[in-house]
């Protein structure tokens, strides 16, 4: 299995969630995947200055929180369902961030 990029997903208005599949041709369409990996943005062009959050629309509840990247760490989180191929819908995941232009880089495996 190979990892595929969902691209960089950024927040323009903190407090307004953005679908993880926003960069896809039809972001609201079912997007079956085996696993999802998100990583706080940390690059030459931009590094998050606040926390980023990953929400699951199906279960609700508290988000996964990605701390601010440092010189030694780039926070990441993954979601997987190893016993059921393509049982996750990447379109059910949303992000938010403390600051505008912050967000995540996202990948998936089918």
C-alpha atoms as a PDB file:
ATOM      1  CA  UNK A   1       0.000   0.000   0.000  1.00  0.00           C
ATOM      2  CA  UNK A   2       1.226   3.481  -0.800  1.00  0.00           C
ATOM      3  CA  UNK A   3       0.452   6.744   0.929  1.00  0.00           C
ATOM      4  CA  UNK A   4      -1.332   9.414  -1.127  1.00  0.00           C
ATOM      5  CA  UNK A   5      -1.520  13.099  -0.288  1.00  0.00           C
ATOM      6  CA  UNK A   6      -4.713  14.968   0.531  1.00  0.00           C
ATOM      7  CA  UNK A   7      -2.578  18.102   0.444  1.00  0.00           C
ATOM      8  CA  UNK A   8      -2.174  20.919   2.881  1.00  0.00           C
ATOM      9  CA  UNK A   9      -5.434  21.856   4.580  1.00  0.00           C
ATOM     10  CA  UNK A  10      -5.448  25.296   6.179  1.00  0.00           C
ATOM     11  CA  UNK A  11      -7.891  27.352   8.186  1.00  0.00           C
ATOM     12  CA  UNK A  12      -8.872  30.813   7.024  1.00  0.00           C
ATOM     13  CA  UNK A  13     -11.204  31.540   9.964  1.00  0.00           C
ATOM     14  CA  UNK A  14     -10.376  29.930  13.333  1.00  0.00           C
ATOM     15  CA  UNK A  15     -13.442  28.250  14.808  1.00  0.00           C
ATOM     16  CA  UNK A  16     -14.761  27.307  11.353  1.00  0.00           C
ATOM     17  CA  UNK A  17     -13.931  23.672  10.582  1.00  0.00           C
ATOM     18  CA  UNK A  18     -12.665  22.626   7.166  1.00  0.00           C
ATOM     19  CA  UNK A  19     -13.262  19.168   5.681  1.00  0.00           C
ATOM     20  CA  UNK A  20     -10.058  17.126   5.394  1.00  0.00           C
ATOM     21  CA  UNK A  21     -10.935  16.360   1.756  1.00  0.00           C
ATOM     22  CA  UNK A  22     -11.397  20.040   0.804  1.00  0.00           C
ATOM     23  CA  UNK A  23      -8.665  19.780  -1.883  1.00  0.00           C
ATOM     24  CA  UNK A  24     -10.392  16.886  -3.685  1.00  0.00           C
ATOM     25  CA  UNK A  25     -12.619  17.314  -6.760  1.00  0.00           C
ATOM     26  CA  UNK A  26     -15.794  16.593  -4.766  1.00  0.00           C
ATOM     27  CA  UNK A  27     -14.943  17.218  -1.084  1.00  0.00           C
ATOM     28  CA  UNK A  28     -18.364  16.129   0.209  1.00  0.00           C
ATOM     29  CA  UNK A  29     -18.312  12.779  -1.599  1.00  0.00           C
ATOM     30  CA  UNK A  30     -17.607   9.546   0.272  1.00  0.00           C
ATOM     31  CA  UNK A  31     -13.832   9.026   0.274  1.00  0.00           C
ATOM     32  CA  UNK A  32     -13.098   5.459   1.509  1.00  0.00           C
ATOM     33  CA  UNK A  33      -9.642   4.918   2.997  1.00  0.00           C
ATOM     34  CA  UNK A  34      -7.818   2.408   5.192  1.00  0.00           C
ATOM     35  CA  UNK A  35      -5.982   4.992   7.274  1.00  0.00           C
ATOM     36  CA  UNK A  36      -5.392   8.729   7.607  1.00  0.00           C
ATOM     37  CA  UNK A  37      -2.298  10.601   8.803  1.00  0.00           C
ATOM     38  CA  UNK A  38      -2.277  14.308   9.627  1.00  0.00           C
ATOM     39  CA  UNK A  39       0.749  16.353  10.611  1.00  0.00           C
ATOM     40  CA  UNK A  40       0.937  19.919  11.885  1.00  0.00           C
ATOM     41  CA  UNK A  41       2.323  22.281   9.245  1.00  0.00           C
ATOM     42  CA  UNK A  42       6.039  22.891   9.697  1.00  0.00           C
ATOM     43  CA  UNK A  43       7.952  24.054   6.660  1.00  0.00           C
ATOM     44  CA  UNK A  44      10.115  26.856   5.359  1.00  0.00           C
ATOM     45  CA  UNK A  45       7.009  28.586   3.976  1.00  0.00           C
ATOM     46  CA  UNK A  46       4.896  28.327   7.147  1.00  0.00           C
ATOM     47  CA  UNK A  47       4.919  26.708  10.573  1.00  0.00           C
ATOM     48  CA  UNK A  48       1.805  26.573  12.745  1.00  0.00           C
ATOM     49  CA  UNK A  49       1.870  29.148  15.540  1.00  0.00           C
ATOM     50  CA  UNK A  50      -1.044  27.584  17.430  1.00  0.00           C
ATOM     51  CA  UNK A  51      -2.685  24.205  17.903  1.00  0.00           C
ATOM     52  CA  UNK A  52      -4.514  22.311  15.146  1.00  0.00           C
ATOM     53  CA  UNK A  53      -7.489  20.013  15.807  1.00  0.00           C
ATOM     54  CA  UNK A  54      -8.787  16.897  14.030  1.00  0.00           C
ATOM     55  CA  UNK A  55     -12.514  16.152  14.404  1.00  0.00           C
ATOM     56  CA  UNK A  56     -14.461  13.023  13.480  1.00  0.00           C
ATOM     57  CA  UNK A  57     -17.955  14.002  12.286  1.00  0.00           C
ATOM     58  CA  UNK A  58     -19.314  10.491  12.905  1.00  0.00           C
ATOM     59  CA  UNK A  59     -18.458  10.210  16.585  1.00  0.00           C
ATOM     60  CA  UNK A  60     -18.402  13.881  17.575  1.00  0.00           C
ATOM     61  CA  UNK A  61     -16.709  14.287  20.918  1.00  0.00           C
ATOM     62  CA  UNK A  62     -13.384  15.835  21.721  1.00  0.00           C
ATOM     63  CA  UNK A  63     -10.910  16.450  18.902  1.00  0.00           C
ATOM     64  CA  UNK A  64      -7.392  15.124  18.550  1.00  0.00           C
ATOM     65  CA  UNK A  65      -5.130  18.071  19.391  1.00  0.00           C
ATOM     66  CA  UNK A  66      -1.870  18.673  17.532  1.00  0.00           C
ATOM     67  CA  UNK A  67       0.498  20.880  19.509  1.00  0.00           C
ATOM     68  CA  UNK A  68       2.605  23.679  18.042  1.00  0.00           C
ATOM     69  CA  UNK A  69       5.619  22.293  16.137  1.00  0.00           C
ATOM     70  CA  UNK A  70       9.044  22.885  17.684  1.00  0.00           C
ATOM     71  CA  UNK A  71      12.597  22.581  16.416  1.00  0.00           C
ATOM     72  CA  UNK A  72      12.613  18.944  17.544  1.00  0.00           C
ATOM     73  CA  UNK A  73       9.038  17.722  16.989  1.00  0.00           C
ATOM     74  CA  UNK A  74       6.285  17.935  14.408  1.00  0.00           C
ATOM     75  CA  UNK A  75       3.055  16.672  16.011  1.00  0.00           C
ATOM     76  CA  UNK A  76       1.032  14.140  14.063  1.00  0.00           C
ATOM     77  CA  UNK A  77      -1.954  11.847  14.511  1.00  0.00           C
ATOM     78  CA  UNK A  78      -3.299   8.869  12.634  1.00  0.00           C
ATOM     79  CA  UNK A  79      -6.603   7.072  12.358  1.00  0.00           C
ATOM     80  CA  UNK A  80      -6.841   3.521  11.048  1.00  0.00           C
ATOM     81  CA  UNK A  81      -9.183   0.564  10.965  1.00  0.00           C
ATOM     82  CA  UNK A  82      -6.877  -2.345  10.127  1.00  0.00           C
ATOM     83  CA  UNK A  83      -9.479  -5.110  10.243  1.00  0.00           C
ATOM     84  CA  UNK A  84     -11.870  -3.577   7.680  1.00  0.00           C
ATOM     85  CA  UNK A  85     -10.409  -2.459   4.314  1.00  0.00           C
ATOM     86  CA  UNK A  86     -11.387   1.092   3.327  1.00  0.00           C
ATOM     87  CA  UNK A  87     -13.821   1.335   6.248  1.00  0.00           C
ATOM     88  CA  UNK A  88     -12.975   4.970   7.043  1.00  0.00           C
ATOM     89  CA  UNK A  89     -14.443   7.910   5.145  1.00  0.00           C
ATOM     90  CA  UNK A  90     -11.833  10.679   4.930  1.00  0.00           C
ATOM     91  CA  UNK A  91     -14.723  13.081   4.194  1.00  0.00           C
ATOM     92  CA  UNK A  92     -15.960  12.534   7.762  1.00  0.00           C
ATOM     93  CA  UNK A  93     -12.866  14.223   9.204  1.00  0.00           C
ATOM     94  CA  UNK A  94     -12.555  17.976   9.714  1.00  0.00           C
ATOM     95  CA  UNK A  95      -9.813  20.255  10.991  1.00  0.00           C
ATOM     96  CA  UNK A  96      -9.707  23.531  12.848  1.00  0.00           C
ATOM     97  CA  UNK A  97      -6.850  25.633  14.213  1.00  0.00           C
ATOM     98  CA  UNK A  98      -6.199  28.373  16.738  1.00  0.00           C
ATOM     99  CA  UNK A  99      -4.910  30.758  14.058  1.00  0.00           C
ATOM    100  CA  UNK A 100      -5.676  31.518  10.433  1.00  0.00           C
ATOM    101  CA  UNK A 101      -3.206  29.988   7.927  1.00  0.00           C
ATOM    102  CA  UNK A 102      -2.427  27.162  10.396  1.00  0.00           C
ATOM    103  CA  UNK A 103      -3.545  23.619   9.587  1.00  0.00           C
ATOM    104  CA  UNK A 104      -2.269  20.177   8.641  1.00  0.00           C
ATOM    105  CA  UNK A 105      -0.660  18.174   5.886  1.00  0.00           C
ATOM    106  CA  UNK A 106      -2.741  15.050   5.297  1.00  0.00           C
ATOM    107  CA  UNK A 107      -2.199  11.628   3.714  1.00  0.00           C
ATOM    108  CA  UNK A 108      -4.264   8.489   3.282  1.00  0.00           C
ATOM    109  CA  UNK A 109      -3.762   4.815   2.450  1.00  0.00           C
ATOM    110  CA  UNK A 110      -6.361   2.764   0.562  1.00  0.00           C
END
